[in-house]
């Protein structure tokens, strides 16, 4: 993410994303309106910075899925370990000849 290391001017973001300045400004306006970025004026520049607080609802929503997947992977791990135990306990058929 471009803004994770600090604020960036709109022009730099536009160049990096290979957009025109107006296109980038539209995207940044939407991100600002939904609370994902903050903007401040510095002379003629507008500097944009990530506002991680806007991600809190997404984080909370994903929390339920995180618990589900953690439990699912734990069950899978237990199953694989049980398979390994039963496989190592069974005698090999090659020695019976």
C-alpha atoms as a PDB file:
ATOM      1  CA  UNK A   1       0.000   0.000   0.000  1.00  0.00           C
ATOM      2  CA  UNK A   2       1.419   3.335  -1.021  1.00  0.00           C
ATOM      3  CA  UNK A   3       0.347   5.208   2.082  1.00  0.00           C
ATOM      4  CA  UNK A   4       1.435   2.725   4.746  1.00  0.00           C
ATOM      5  CA  UNK A   5       4.783   4.501   5.202  1.00  0.00           C
ATOM      6  CA  UNK A   6       3.336   7.975   5.476  1.00  0.00           C
ATOM      7  CA  UNK A   7       1.639  10.721   3.567  1.00  0.00           C
ATOM      8  CA  UNK A   8       2.138  11.277  -0.137  1.00  0.00           C
ATOM      9  CA  UNK A   9       1.173  14.074  -2.509  1.00  0.00           C
ATOM     10  CA  UNK A  10      -1.706  13.405  -4.867  1.00  0.00           C
ATOM     11  CA  UNK A  11       0.520  13.863  -7.917  1.00  0.00           C
ATOM     12  CA  UNK A  12       2.945  11.180  -6.762  1.00  0.00           C
ATOM     13  CA  UNK A  13       0.070   8.762  -6.149  1.00  0.00           C
ATOM     14  CA  UNK A  14      -1.336   9.487  -9.618  1.00  0.00           C
ATOM     15  CA  UNK A  15       2.024   8.845 -11.296  1.00  0.00           C
ATOM     16  CA  UNK A  16       2.594   5.603  -9.372  1.00  0.00           C
ATOM     17  CA  UNK A  17      -0.896   4.336 -10.247  1.00  0.00           C
ATOM     18  CA  UNK A  18      -0.483   5.491 -13.856  1.00  0.00           C
ATOM     19  CA  UNK A  19      -3.576   7.682 -13.665  1.00  0.00           C
ATOM     20  CA  UNK A  20      -4.244  11.225 -14.616  1.00  0.00           C
ATOM     21  CA  UNK A  21      -4.392  13.723 -11.757  1.00  0.00           C
ATOM     22  CA  UNK A  22      -8.206  14.088 -12.071  1.00  0.00           C
ATOM     23  CA  UNK A  23      -8.698  10.296 -11.986  1.00  0.00           C
ATOM     24  CA  UNK A  24      -6.512   9.948  -8.898  1.00  0.00           C
ATOM     25  CA  UNK A  25      -8.292  12.872  -7.244  1.00  0.00           C
ATOM     26  CA  UNK A  26     -11.664  11.164  -7.749  1.00  0.00           C
ATOM     27  CA  UNK A  27     -10.393   7.966  -6.137  1.00  0.00           C
ATOM     28  CA  UNK A  28      -8.793   9.856  -3.269  1.00  0.00           C
ATOM     29  CA  UNK A  29     -11.997  11.825  -2.692  1.00  0.00           C
ATOM     30  CA  UNK A  30     -13.972   8.585  -2.368  1.00  0.00           C
ATOM     31  CA  UNK A  31     -11.369   7.127   0.009  1.00  0.00           C
ATOM     32  CA  UNK A  32     -11.534  10.317   2.065  1.00  0.00           C
ATOM     33  CA  UNK A  33     -15.348  10.242   2.169  1.00  0.00           C
ATOM     34  CA  UNK A  34     -15.392   6.673   3.503  1.00  0.00           C
ATOM     35  CA  UNK A  35     -12.744   7.479   6.100  1.00  0.00           C
ATOM     36  CA  UNK A  36      -9.789   5.557   4.684  1.00  0.00           C
ATOM     37  CA  UNK A  37      -7.509   8.529   4.031  1.00  0.00           C
ATOM     38  CA  UNK A  38      -6.952  11.949   5.505  1.00  0.00           C
ATOM     39  CA  UNK A  39      -5.838  14.967   3.548  1.00  0.00           C
ATOM     40  CA  UNK A  40      -4.009  18.114   4.532  1.00  0.00           C
ATOM     41  CA  UNK A  41      -2.868  21.079   2.546  1.00  0.00           C
ATOM     42  CA  UNK A  42       0.826  21.913   2.423  1.00  0.00           C
ATOM     43  CA  UNK A  43       1.228  24.971   0.255  1.00  0.00           C
ATOM     44  CA  UNK A  44      -0.062  24.057  -3.188  1.00  0.00           C
ATOM     45  CA  UNK A  45       0.075  20.327  -2.488  1.00  0.00           C
ATOM     46  CA  UNK A  46      -2.567  18.111  -0.985  1.00  0.00           C
ATOM     47  CA  UNK A  47      -0.963  15.369   1.068  1.00  0.00           C
ATOM     48  CA  UNK A  48      -2.866  12.132   1.633  1.00  0.00           C
ATOM     49  CA  UNK A  49      -2.299   9.776   4.522  1.00  0.00           C
ATOM     50  CA  UNK A  50      -3.800   6.434   5.469  1.00  0.00           C
ATOM     51  CA  UNK A  51      -6.444   6.545   8.199  1.00  0.00           C
ATOM     52  CA  UNK A  52      -6.477   2.995   9.521  1.00  0.00           C
ATOM     53  CA  UNK A  53      -9.452   3.762  11.760  1.00  0.00           C
ATOM     54  CA  UNK A  54     -11.592   3.498   8.630  1.00  0.00           C
ATOM     55  CA  UNK A  55     -10.612  -0.163   8.382  1.00  0.00           C
ATOM     56  CA  UNK A  56     -11.965  -1.018  11.851  1.00  0.00           C
ATOM     57  CA  UNK A  57     -15.409  -2.145  10.604  1.00  0.00           C
ATOM     58  CA  UNK A  58     -13.735  -4.412   8.030  1.00  0.00           C
ATOM     59  CA  UNK A  59     -11.432  -5.821  10.702  1.00  0.00           C
ATOM     60  CA  UNK A  60     -14.385  -6.548  12.971  1.00  0.00           C
ATOM     61  CA  UNK A  61     -16.342  -8.207  10.161  1.00  0.00           C
ATOM     62  CA  UNK A  62     -13.357 -10.370   9.217  1.00  0.00           C
ATOM     63  CA  UNK A  63     -12.867 -11.390  12.858  1.00  0.00           C
ATOM     64  CA  UNK A  64     -15.650 -13.961  12.606  1.00  0.00           C
ATOM     65  CA  UNK A  65     -14.058 -15.508   9.561  1.00  0.00           C
ATOM     66  CA  UNK A  66     -10.673 -15.580  11.269  1.00  0.00           C
ATOM     67  CA  UNK A  67     -12.101 -17.666  14.110  1.00  0.00           C
ATOM     68  CA  UNK A  68     -13.838 -19.992  11.637  1.00  0.00           C
ATOM     69  CA  UNK A  69     -10.654 -20.574   9.617  1.00  0.00           C
ATOM     70  CA  UNK A  70      -8.493 -20.997  12.712  1.00  0.00           C
ATOM     71  CA  UNK A  71     -10.837 -23.705  14.006  1.00  0.00           C
ATOM     72  CA  UNK A  72     -11.022 -25.335  10.562  1.00  0.00           C
ATOM     73  CA  UNK A  73      -7.227 -25.440  10.206  1.00  0.00           C
ATOM     74  CA  UNK A  74      -6.895 -26.819  13.718  1.00  0.00           C
ATOM     75  CA  UNK A  75      -9.306 -29.643  12.861  1.00  0.00           C
ATOM     76  CA  UNK A  76      -7.407 -30.306   9.624  1.00  0.00           C
ATOM     77  CA  UNK A  77      -4.105 -30.390  11.498  1.00  0.00           C
ATOM     78  CA  UNK A  78      -5.528 -32.862  14.018  1.00  0.00           C
ATOM     79  CA  UNK A  79      -6.818 -35.049  11.187  1.00  0.00           C
ATOM     80  CA  UNK A  80      -3.445 -35.048   9.400  1.00  0.00           C
ATOM     81  CA  UNK A  81      -1.620 -35.911  12.633  1.00  0.00           C
ATOM     82  CA  UNK A  82      -4.023 -38.803  13.250  1.00  0.00           C
ATOM     83  CA  UNK A  83      -3.463 -40.075   9.699  1.00  0.00           C
ATOM     84  CA  UNK A  84       0.289 -39.950  10.236  1.00  0.00           C
ATOM     85  CA  UNK A  85      -0.004 -41.904  13.502  1.00  0.00           C
ATOM     86  CA  UNK A  86      -2.164 -44.628  11.957  1.00  0.00           C
ATOM     87  CA  UNK A  87       0.058 -44.862   8.870  1.00  0.00           C
ATOM     88  CA  UNK A  88       3.218 -45.393  10.904  1.00  0.00           C
ATOM     89  CA  UNK A  89       1.515 -48.054  13.083  1.00  0.00           C
ATOM     90  CA  UNK A  90       0.372 -50.235  10.167  1.00  0.00           C
ATOM     91  CA  UNK A  91       2.875 -52.972   9.156  1.00  0.00           C
ATOM     92  CA  UNK A  92       4.300 -52.785   5.692  1.00  0.00           C
ATOM     93  CA  UNK A  93       3.068 -55.428   3.227  1.00  0.00           C
ATOM     94  CA  UNK A  94       6.544 -55.691   1.659  1.00  0.00           C
ATOM     95  CA  UNK A  95       7.907 -57.656   4.637  1.00  0.00           C
ATOM     96  CA  UNK A  96       5.194 -60.323   4.506  1.00  0.00           C
ATOM     97  CA  UNK A  97       6.511 -62.049   1.340  1.00  0.00           C
END
